[in-house]
Amino acid sequence: MDKKGLIVTIDGPSGAGKSTLCRKLAELLGYVALDTGAMYRAVALAAARRGFDGEDCSVLEKLCAAIQIDFSRGEGKEQVLLDGEDVSEAIRTPEISLLSSRVSRCRGVRRALVRRQQEIGAAGGVVLEGRDTGTMVFPDADIKFFLDAGAVERGMRRYRELKGKGIEVDPQQTIADMESRDRADQEREDSPLTVAADAVVIDSTALSIEEVLGRMLEIIRRHSAFVSTCEKSLWKD
């Protein structure tokens, strides 16, 4: 299969800025943006709506086979579709965030979603973000980033994001939830959150989105396979 471009992965803990950077990077490169975490959140939302136990992996595996998760771009923004319904906002609540971390521990769920992610990204020209995109989904990705930030900073970012959407949350509880999710992601048996040996690690604690994006673009610019016409046009003098 002829690749349409690079496979770029961005891994890291919740609240590090992966989703925003994935979208911005993909837009600049003319690539597809794939938020793998949104897929787990969609499964969690589907489970919650059906009253399913987030710990019952056999039920969750069957649920994965029964639902359809898609991505589309509408009204100037990326949309996550669950059985055709736009659930982009519904999957971002604190409750679904915590439930998605439990859902992601199920080996069958992870295997089903990883297969789908690999199908979408196999041809290249894609930026994926999540927790295991550079270790499990595409271990041979052309460029891997690991985006990190302190737990307090990440918690406050999430707090401001939720407040901006009109969701009433407590800042200390938001930080505690962030730390709880960190532990769950790092300690799960299947595909725990780890830094790939060949990943470029960027600590975004004291950096703006624009500063992190600039660092990523410079690394991509230097990559030997970065040769398509669209990509070259970004760097004209």
C-alpha atoms as a PDB file:
ATOM      1  CA  MET A   1       0.000   0.000   0.000  1.00  0.00           C
ATOM      2  CA  ASP A   2       1.402   3.412  -0.985  1.00  0.00           C
ATOM      3  CA  LYS A   3       1.417   5.729   2.004  1.00  0.00           C
ATOM      4  CA  LYS A   4      -0.287   9.098   1.671  1.00  0.00           C
ATOM      5  CA  GLY A   5       2.029  10.658   4.220  1.00  0.00           C
ATOM      6  CA  LEU A   6       3.554  10.112   7.635  1.00  0.00           C
ATOM      7  CA  ILE A   7       2.017   8.311  10.589  1.00  0.00           C
ATOM      8  CA  VAL A   8       2.409  10.644  13.570  1.00  0.00           C
ATOM      9  CA  THR A   9       1.422   9.613  17.093  1.00  0.00           C
ATOM     10  CA  ILE A  10       0.886  11.763  20.180  1.00  0.00           C
ATOM     11  CA  ASP A  11       0.598   9.920  23.493  1.00  0.00           C
ATOM     12  CA  GLY A  12       0.373  11.228  27.027  1.00  0.00           C
ATOM     13  CA  PRO A  13      -1.855  11.549  30.087  1.00  0.00           C
ATOM     14  CA  SER A  14      -5.251  13.224  30.178  1.00  0.00           C
ATOM     15  CA  GLY A  15      -5.191  17.014  30.026  1.00  0.00           C
ATOM     16  CA  ALA A  16      -1.748  17.342  28.442  1.00  0.00           C
ATOM     17  CA  GLY A  17      -3.199  19.020  25.341  1.00  0.00           C
ATOM     18  CA  LYS A  18      -3.091  16.055  22.981  1.00  0.00           C
ATOM     19  CA  SER A  19      -6.516  16.556  21.410  1.00  0.00           C
ATOM     20  CA  THR A  20      -5.959  20.225  20.574  1.00  0.00           C
ATOM     21  CA  LEU A  21      -2.485  19.598  19.172  1.00  0.00           C
ATOM     22  CA  CYS A  22      -3.646  16.587  17.191  1.00  0.00           C
ATOM     23  CA  ARG A  23      -6.325  18.674  15.475  1.00  0.00           C
ATOM     24  CA  LYS A  24      -4.038  21.647  14.824  1.00  0.00           C
ATOM     25  CA  LEU A  25      -1.180  19.497  13.550  1.00  0.00           C
ATOM     26  CA  ALA A  26      -3.442  17.476  11.258  1.00  0.00           C
ATOM     27  CA  GLU A  27      -5.004  20.647   9.873  1.00  0.00           C
ATOM     28  CA  LEU A  28      -1.606  22.177   9.064  1.00  0.00           C
ATOM     29  CA  LEU A  29      -0.347  18.997   7.427  1.00  0.00           C
ATOM     30  CA  GLY A  30      -3.561  18.206   5.583  1.00  0.00           C
ATOM     31  CA  TYR A  31      -3.783  14.928   7.503  1.00  0.00           C
ATOM     32  CA  VAL A  32      -6.608  13.025   9.206  1.00  0.00           C
ATOM     33  CA  ALA A  33      -6.887  13.643  12.970  1.00  0.00           C
ATOM     34  CA  LEU A  34      -7.787  10.550  14.967  1.00  0.00           C
ATOM     35  CA  ASP A  35      -8.613  10.984  18.668  1.00  0.00           C
ATOM     36  CA  THR A  36      -8.391   7.387  19.884  1.00  0.00           C
ATOM     37  CA  GLY A  37      -9.461   8.371  23.390  1.00  0.00           C
ATOM     38  CA  ALA A  38     -12.762   9.604  21.989  1.00  0.00           C
ATOM     39  CA  MET A  39     -13.477   6.057  20.834  1.00  0.00           C
ATOM     40  CA  TYR A  40     -13.145   4.716  24.384  1.00  0.00           C
ATOM     41  CA  ARG A  41     -15.273   7.590  25.653  1.00  0.00           C
ATOM     42  CA  ALA A  42     -17.935   6.714  23.083  1.00  0.00           C
ATOM     43  CA  VAL A  43     -17.975   3.104  24.288  1.00  0.00           C
ATOM     44  CA  ALA A  44     -18.245   4.383  27.874  1.00  0.00           C
ATOM     45  CA  LEU A  45     -21.156   6.644  26.934  1.00  0.00           C
ATOM     46  CA  ALA A  46     -22.938   3.802  25.174  1.00  0.00           C
ATOM     47  CA  ALA A  47     -22.422   1.602  28.246  1.00  0.00           C
ATOM     48  CA  ALA A  48     -23.672   4.293  30.623  1.00  0.00           C
ATOM     49  CA  ARG A  49     -26.797   4.879  28.557  1.00  0.00           C
ATOM     50  CA  ARG A  50     -27.584   1.175  28.677  1.00  0.00           C
ATOM     51  CA  GLY A  51     -26.862   0.890  32.390  1.00  0.00           C
ATOM     52  CA  PHE A  52     -23.977  -1.513  31.803  1.00  0.00           C
ATOM     53  CA  ASP A  53     -21.304  -2.158  34.413  1.00  0.00           C
ATOM     54  CA  GLY A  54     -18.008  -0.623  33.350  1.00  0.00           C
ATOM     55  CA  GLU A  55     -16.191  -3.602  34.882  1.00  0.00           C
ATOM     56  CA  ASP A  56     -18.038  -6.331  32.930  1.00  0.00           C
ATOM     57  CA  CYS A  57     -15.645  -6.867  30.033  1.00  0.00           C
ATOM     58  CA  SER A  58     -17.680  -9.572  28.320  1.00  0.00           C
ATOM     59  CA  VAL A  59     -20.660  -7.215  28.051  1.00  0.00           C
ATOM     60  CA  LEU A  60     -18.453  -4.339  26.886  1.00  0.00           C
ATOM     61  CA  GLU A  61     -16.868  -6.480  24.162  1.00  0.00           C
ATOM     62  CA  LYS A  62     -20.319  -7.333  22.801  1.00  0.00           C
ATOM     63  CA  LEU A  63     -21.237  -3.658  22.993  1.00  0.00           C
ATOM     64  CA  CYS A  64     -18.220  -2.748  20.835  1.00  0.00           C
ATOM     65  CA  ALA A  65     -19.477  -5.086  18.144  1.00  0.00           C
ATOM     66  CA  ALA A  66     -22.982  -3.602  18.276  1.00  0.00           C
ATOM     67  CA  ILE A  67     -22.160   0.122  17.989  1.00  0.00           C
ATOM     68  CA  GLN A  68     -20.677   2.260  15.215  1.00  0.00           C
ATOM     69  CA  ILE A  69     -18.114   4.953  16.027  1.00  0.00           C
ATOM     70  CA  ASP A  70     -17.143   7.419  13.303  1.00  0.00           C
ATOM     71  CA  PHE A  71     -15.402  10.745  12.894  1.00  0.00           C
ATOM     72  CA  SER A  72     -16.509  13.606  10.679  1.00  0.00           C
ATOM     73  CA  ARG A  73     -15.843  17.291  10.204  1.00  0.00           C
ATOM     74  CA  GLY A  74     -18.907  19.503  10.374  1.00  0.00           C
ATOM     75  CA  GLU A  75     -19.554  23.151  11.167  1.00  0.00           C
ATOM     76  CA  GLY A  76     -15.822  23.823  11.253  1.00  0.00           C
ATOM     77  CA  LYS A  77     -15.018  21.232  13.919  1.00  0.00           C
ATOM     78  CA  GLU A  78     -14.285  17.551  14.344  1.00  0.00           C
ATOM     79  CA  GLN A  79     -17.295  15.492  15.385  1.00  0.00           C
ATOM     80  CA  VAL A  80     -17.443  12.126  17.123  1.00  0.00           C
ATOM     81  CA  LEU A  81     -20.450  10.115  16.012  1.00  0.00           C
ATOM     82  CA  LEU A  82     -21.980   7.273  17.994  1.00  0.00           C
ATOM     83  CA  ASP A  83     -24.444   5.381  15.804  1.00  0.00           C
ATOM     84  CA  GLY A  84     -24.804   8.541  13.740  1.00  0.00           C
ATOM     85  CA  GLU A  85     -25.367  10.894  16.711  1.00  0.00           C
ATOM     86  CA  ASP A  86     -22.911  13.711  17.405  1.00  0.00           C
ATOM     87  CA  VAL A  87     -21.664  12.957  20.932  1.00  0.00           C
ATOM     88  CA  SER A  88     -18.611  15.254  20.865  1.00  0.00           C
ATOM     89  CA  GLU A  89     -19.788  17.123  23.977  1.00  0.00           C
ATOM     90  CA  ALA A  90     -21.526  14.256  25.757  1.00  0.00           C
ATOM     91  CA  ILE A  91     -18.318  12.191  25.965  1.00  0.00           C
ATOM     92  CA  ARG A  92     -16.358  14.993  27.691  1.00  0.00           C
ATOM     93  CA  THR A  93     -18.102  15.022  31.082  1.00  0.00           C
ATOM     94  CA  PRO A  94     -16.119  14.052  34.220  1.00  0.00           C
ATOM     95  CA  GLU A  95     -18.308  10.958  34.701  1.00  0.00           C
ATOM     96  CA  ILE A  96     -17.644   9.620  31.204  1.00  0.00           C
ATOM     97  CA  SER A  97     -13.933  10.442  31.548  1.00  0.00           C
ATOM     98  CA  LEU A  98     -13.638   8.214  34.613  1.00  0.00           C
ATOM     99  CA  LEU A  99     -15.819   5.483  33.121  1.00  0.00           C
ATOM    100  CA  SER A 100     -13.785   5.446  29.904  1.00  0.00           C
ATOM    101  CA  SER A 101     -10.641   4.735  31.931  1.00  0.00           C
ATOM    102  CA  ARG A 102     -12.319   1.617  33.374  1.00  0.00           C
ATOM    103  CA  VAL A 103     -13.660   0.586  29.981  1.00  0.00           C
ATOM    104  CA  SER A 104     -10.188   0.861  28.456  1.00  0.00           C
ATOM    105  CA  ARG A 105      -8.863  -1.786  30.850  1.00  0.00           C
ATOM    106  CA  CYS A 106     -10.834  -4.488  29.018  1.00  0.00           C
ATOM    107  CA  ARG A 107      -8.547  -6.364  26.651  1.00  0.00           C
ATOM    108  CA  GLY A 108     -11.326  -7.190  24.202  1.00  0.00           C
ATOM    109  CA  VAL A 109     -12.419  -3.553  23.973  1.00  0.00           C
ATOM    110  CA  ARG A 110      -8.859  -2.392  23.389  1.00  0.00           C
ATOM    111  CA  ARG A 111      -8.238  -5.025  20.728  1.00  0.00           C
ATOM    112  CA  ALA A 112     -11.428  -4.131  18.847  1.00  0.00           C
ATOM    113  CA  LEU A 113     -10.714  -0.404  18.853  1.00  0.00           C
ATOM    114  CA  VAL A 114      -7.009  -0.815  18.041  1.00  0.00           C
ATOM    115  CA  ARG A 115      -7.922  -2.837  14.954  1.00  0.00           C
ATOM    116  CA  ARG A 116     -10.219  -0.047  13.816  1.00  0.00           C
ATOM    117  CA  GLN A 117      -7.563   2.596  14.460  1.00  0.00           C
ATOM    118  CA  GLN A 118      -5.019   0.609  12.453  1.00  0.00           C
ATOM    119  CA  GLU A 119      -7.453   0.305   9.561  1.00  0.00           C
ATOM    120  CA  ILE A 120      -8.018   4.063   9.501  1.00  0.00           C
ATOM    121  CA  GLY A 121      -4.350   5.008   9.760  1.00  0.00           C
ATOM    122  CA  ALA A 122      -2.608   2.292   7.762  1.00  0.00           C
ATOM    123  CA  ALA A 123      -2.325   4.416   4.596  1.00  0.00           C
ATOM    124  CA  GLY A 124      -0.554   7.243   6.445  1.00  0.00           C
ATOM    125  CA  GLY A 125      -1.356  10.916   6.328  1.00  0.00           C
ATOM    126  CA  VAL A 126      -2.704  10.648   9.856  1.00  0.00           C
ATOM    127  CA  VAL A 127      -2.095  12.102  13.315  1.00  0.00           C
ATOM    128  CA  LEU A 128      -3.296   9.871  16.154  1.00  0.00           C
ATOM    129  CA  GLU A 129      -3.524  10.812  19.800  1.00  0.00           C
ATOM    130  CA  GLY A 130      -4.166   8.680  22.827  1.00  0.00           C
ATOM    131  CA  ARG A 131      -2.274   6.646  25.379  1.00  0.00           C
ATOM    132  CA  ASP A 132      -0.854   3.765  23.348  1.00  0.00           C
ATOM    133  CA  THR A 133      -0.810   4.998  19.746  1.00  0.00           C
ATOM    134  CA  GLY A 134       2.991   4.843  19.551  1.00  0.00           C
ATOM    135  CA  THR A 135       3.392   1.641  21.566  1.00  0.00           C
ATOM    136  CA  MET A 136       0.479  -0.585  20.530  1.00  0.00           C
ATOM    137  CA  VAL A 137      -1.472   0.933  17.638  1.00  0.00           C
ATOM    138  CA  PHE A 138       1.469   1.982  15.457  1.00  0.00           C
ATOM    139  CA  PRO A 139       4.734   0.862  17.091  1.00  0.00           C
ATOM    140  CA  ASP A 140       6.489   1.595  13.775  1.00  0.00           C
ATOM    141  CA  ALA A 141       5.039   5.104  13.384  1.00  0.00           C
ATOM    142  CA  ASP A 142       7.251   7.550  11.518  1.00  0.00           C
ATOM    143  CA  ILE A 143       7.257  10.114  14.327  1.00  0.00           C
ATOM    144  CA  LYS A 144       6.173   9.646  17.934  1.00  0.00           C
ATOM    145  CA  PHE A 145       5.537  12.339  20.504  1.00  0.00           C
ATOM    146  CA  PHE A 146       4.842  11.941  24.215  1.00  0.00           C
ATOM    147  CA  LEU A 147       3.160  15.029  25.618  1.00  0.00           C
ATOM    148  CA  ASP A 148       3.247  15.496  29.370  1.00  0.00           C
ATOM    149  CA  ALA A 149       2.452  18.145  32.012  1.00  0.00           C
ATOM    150  CA  GLY A 150       2.151  18.291  35.780  1.00  0.00           C
ATOM    151  CA  ALA A 151      -1.032  16.814  37.266  1.00  0.00           C
ATOM    152  CA  VAL A 152      -2.084  20.097  38.893  1.00  0.00           C
ATOM    153  CA  GLU A 153      -1.657  22.017  35.639  1.00  0.00           C
ATOM    154  CA  ARG A 154      -3.561  19.356  33.702  1.00  0.00           C
ATOM    155  CA  GLY A 155      -6.329  19.332  36.279  1.00  0.00           C
ATOM    156  CA  MET A 156      -6.696  23.103  36.114  1.00  0.00           C
ATOM    157  CA  ARG A 157      -6.785  23.003  32.315  1.00  0.00           C
ATOM    158  CA  ARG A 158      -9.624  20.508  32.472  1.00  0.00           C
ATOM    159  CA  TYR A 159     -11.377  22.583  35.158  1.00  0.00           C
ATOM    160  CA  ARG A 160     -11.231  25.707  32.947  1.00  0.00           C
ATOM    161  CA  GLU A 161     -12.410  23.720  29.940  1.00  0.00           C
ATOM    162  CA  LEU A 162     -15.441  22.347  31.782  1.00  0.00           C
ATOM    163  CA  LYS A 163     -16.281  25.713  33.372  1.00  0.00           C
ATOM    164  CA  GLY A 164     -16.145  27.271  29.923  1.00  0.00           C
ATOM    165  CA  LYS A 165     -18.804  24.804  28.824  1.00  0.00           C
ATOM    166  CA  GLY A 166     -21.032  25.717  31.749  1.00  0.00           C
ATOM    167  CA  ILE A 167     -20.324  22.514  33.694  1.00  0.00           C
ATOM    168  CA  GLU A 168     -20.061  23.151  37.457  1.00  0.00           C
ATOM    169  CA  VAL A 169     -17.016  21.348  38.851  1.00  0.00           C
ATOM    170  CA  ASP A 170     -14.728  21.727  41.845  1.00  0.00           C
ATOM    171  CA  PRO A 171     -11.087  22.466  40.928  1.00  0.00           C
ATOM    172  CA  GLN A 172      -9.606  20.246  43.655  1.00  0.00           C
ATOM    173  CA  GLN A 173     -11.910  17.387  42.723  1.00  0.00           C
ATOM    174  CA  THR A 174     -10.956  17.830  39.054  1.00  0.00           C
ATOM    175  CA  ILE A 175      -7.262  17.543  39.981  1.00  0.00           C
ATOM    176  CA  ALA A 176      -7.993  14.467  42.127  1.00  0.00           C
ATOM    177  CA  ASP A 177      -9.925  12.876  39.244  1.00  0.00           C
ATOM    178  CA  MET A 178      -6.955  13.574  36.969  1.00  0.00           C
ATOM    179  CA  GLU A 179      -4.559  11.858  39.370  1.00  0.00           C
ATOM    180  CA  SER A 180      -6.956   8.913  39.716  1.00  0.00           C
ATOM    181  CA  ARG A 181      -7.122   8.501  35.960  1.00  0.00           C
ATOM    182  CA  ASP A 182      -3.327   8.715  35.724  1.00  0.00           C
ATOM    183  CA  ARG A 183      -2.999   5.787  38.152  1.00  0.00           C
ATOM    184  CA  ALA A 184      -5.609   3.739  36.297  1.00  0.00           C
ATOM    185  CA  ASP A 185      -3.939   4.351  32.919  1.00  0.00           C
ATOM    186  CA  GLN A 186      -0.457   3.549  34.216  1.00  0.00           C
ATOM    187  CA  GLU A 187      -1.415   0.456  36.216  1.00  0.00           C
ATOM    188  CA  ARG A 188      -3.730  -1.373  33.812  1.00  0.00           C
ATOM    189  CA  GLU A 189      -2.381  -4.720  32.628  1.00  0.00           C
ATOM    190  CA  ASP A 190      -3.154  -4.293  28.933  1.00  0.00           C
ATOM    191  CA  SER A 191      -1.310  -1.456  27.133  1.00  0.00           C
ATOM    192  CA  PRO A 192      -0.552   0.780  30.120  1.00  0.00           C
ATOM    193  CA  LEU A 193       0.406   4.399  29.538  1.00  0.00           C
ATOM    194  CA  THR A 194       4.154   4.334  28.863  1.00  0.00           C
ATOM    195  CA  VAL A 195       6.660   6.390  26.924  1.00  0.00           C
ATOM    196  CA  ALA A 196       7.804   4.692  23.703  1.00  0.00           C
ATOM    197  CA  ALA A 197      11.598   4.323  23.616  1.00  0.00           C
ATOM    198  CA  ASP A 198      11.817   6.351  20.396  1.00  0.00           C
ATOM    199  CA  ALA A 199       9.286   9.047  21.331  1.00  0.00           C
ATOM    200  CA  VAL A 200      10.110  12.739  21.543  1.00  0.00           C
ATOM    201  CA  VAL A 201       9.009  13.845  25.025  1.00  0.00           C
ATOM    202  CA  ILE A 202       7.628  17.370  25.395  1.00  0.00           C
ATOM    203  CA  ASP A 203       6.626  18.802  28.794  1.00  0.00           C
ATOM    204  CA  SER A 204       3.859  21.325  28.124  1.00  0.00           C
ATOM    205  CA  THR A 205       3.457  22.523  31.720  1.00  0.00           C
ATOM    206  CA  ALA A 206       4.946  25.952  31.032  1.00  0.00           C
ATOM    207  CA  LEU A 207       4.385  26.048  27.268  1.00  0.00           C
ATOM    208  CA  SER A 208       1.531  27.429  25.197  1.00  0.00           C
ATOM    209  CA  ILE A 209      -0.226  25.340  22.572  1.00  0.00           C
ATOM    210  CA  GLU A 210       1.506  27.424  19.881  1.00  0.00           C
ATOM    211  CA  GLU A 211       4.948  26.766  21.392  1.00  0.00           C
ATOM    212  CA  VAL A 212       4.387  22.999  21.547  1.00  0.00           C
ATOM    213  CA  LEU A 213       2.988  23.006  18.013  1.00  0.00           C
ATOM    214  CA  GLY A 214       6.074  24.843  16.776  1.00  0.00           C
ATOM    215  CA  ARG A 215       8.379  22.227  18.325  1.00  0.00           C
ATOM    216  CA  MET A 216       6.406  19.398  16.780  1.00  0.00           C
ATOM    217  CA  LEU A 217       6.403  20.994  13.332  1.00  0.00           C
ATOM    218  CA  GLU A 218      10.157  21.553  13.459  1.00  0.00           C
ATOM    219  CA  ILE A 219      10.750  17.878  14.239  1.00  0.00           C
ATOM    220  CA  ILE A 220       8.402  16.798  11.460  1.00  0.00           C
ATOM    221  CA  ARG A 221      10.066  19.232   9.062  1.00  0.00           C
ATOM    222  CA  ARG A 222      13.410  17.518   9.595  1.00  0.00           C
ATOM    223  CA  HIS A 223      12.032  14.020   8.930  1.00  0.00           C
ATOM    224  CA  SER A 224      13.438  12.435   5.765  1.00  0.00           C
ATOM    225  CA  ALA A 225      10.033  11.149   4.626  1.00  0.00           C
ATOM    226  CA  PHE A 226       8.377  14.549   4.864  1.00  0.00           C
ATOM    227  CA  VAL A 227       8.256  15.097   1.103  1.00  0.00           C
ATOM    228  CA  SER A 228       4.711  15.513  -0.224  1.00  0.00           C
ATOM    229  CA  THR A 229       3.766  18.616  -2.191  1.00  0.00           C
ATOM    230  CA  CYS A 230       1.307  19.741   0.470  1.00  0.00           C
ATOM    231  CA  GLU A 231       3.939  19.340   3.176  1.00  0.00           C
ATOM    232  CA  LYS A 232       6.651  21.165   1.220  1.00  0.00           C
ATOM    233  CA  SER A 233       4.331  24.130   0.684  1.00  0.00           C
ATOM    234  CA  LEU A 234       4.292  24.753   4.420  1.00  0.00           C
ATOM    235  CA  TRP A 235       7.965  25.627   4.420  1.00  0.00           C
ATOM    236  CA  LYS A 236       8.297  27.918   1.391  1.00  0.00           C
ATOM    237  CA  ASP A 237      10.491  30.935   2.097  1.00  0.00           C
END
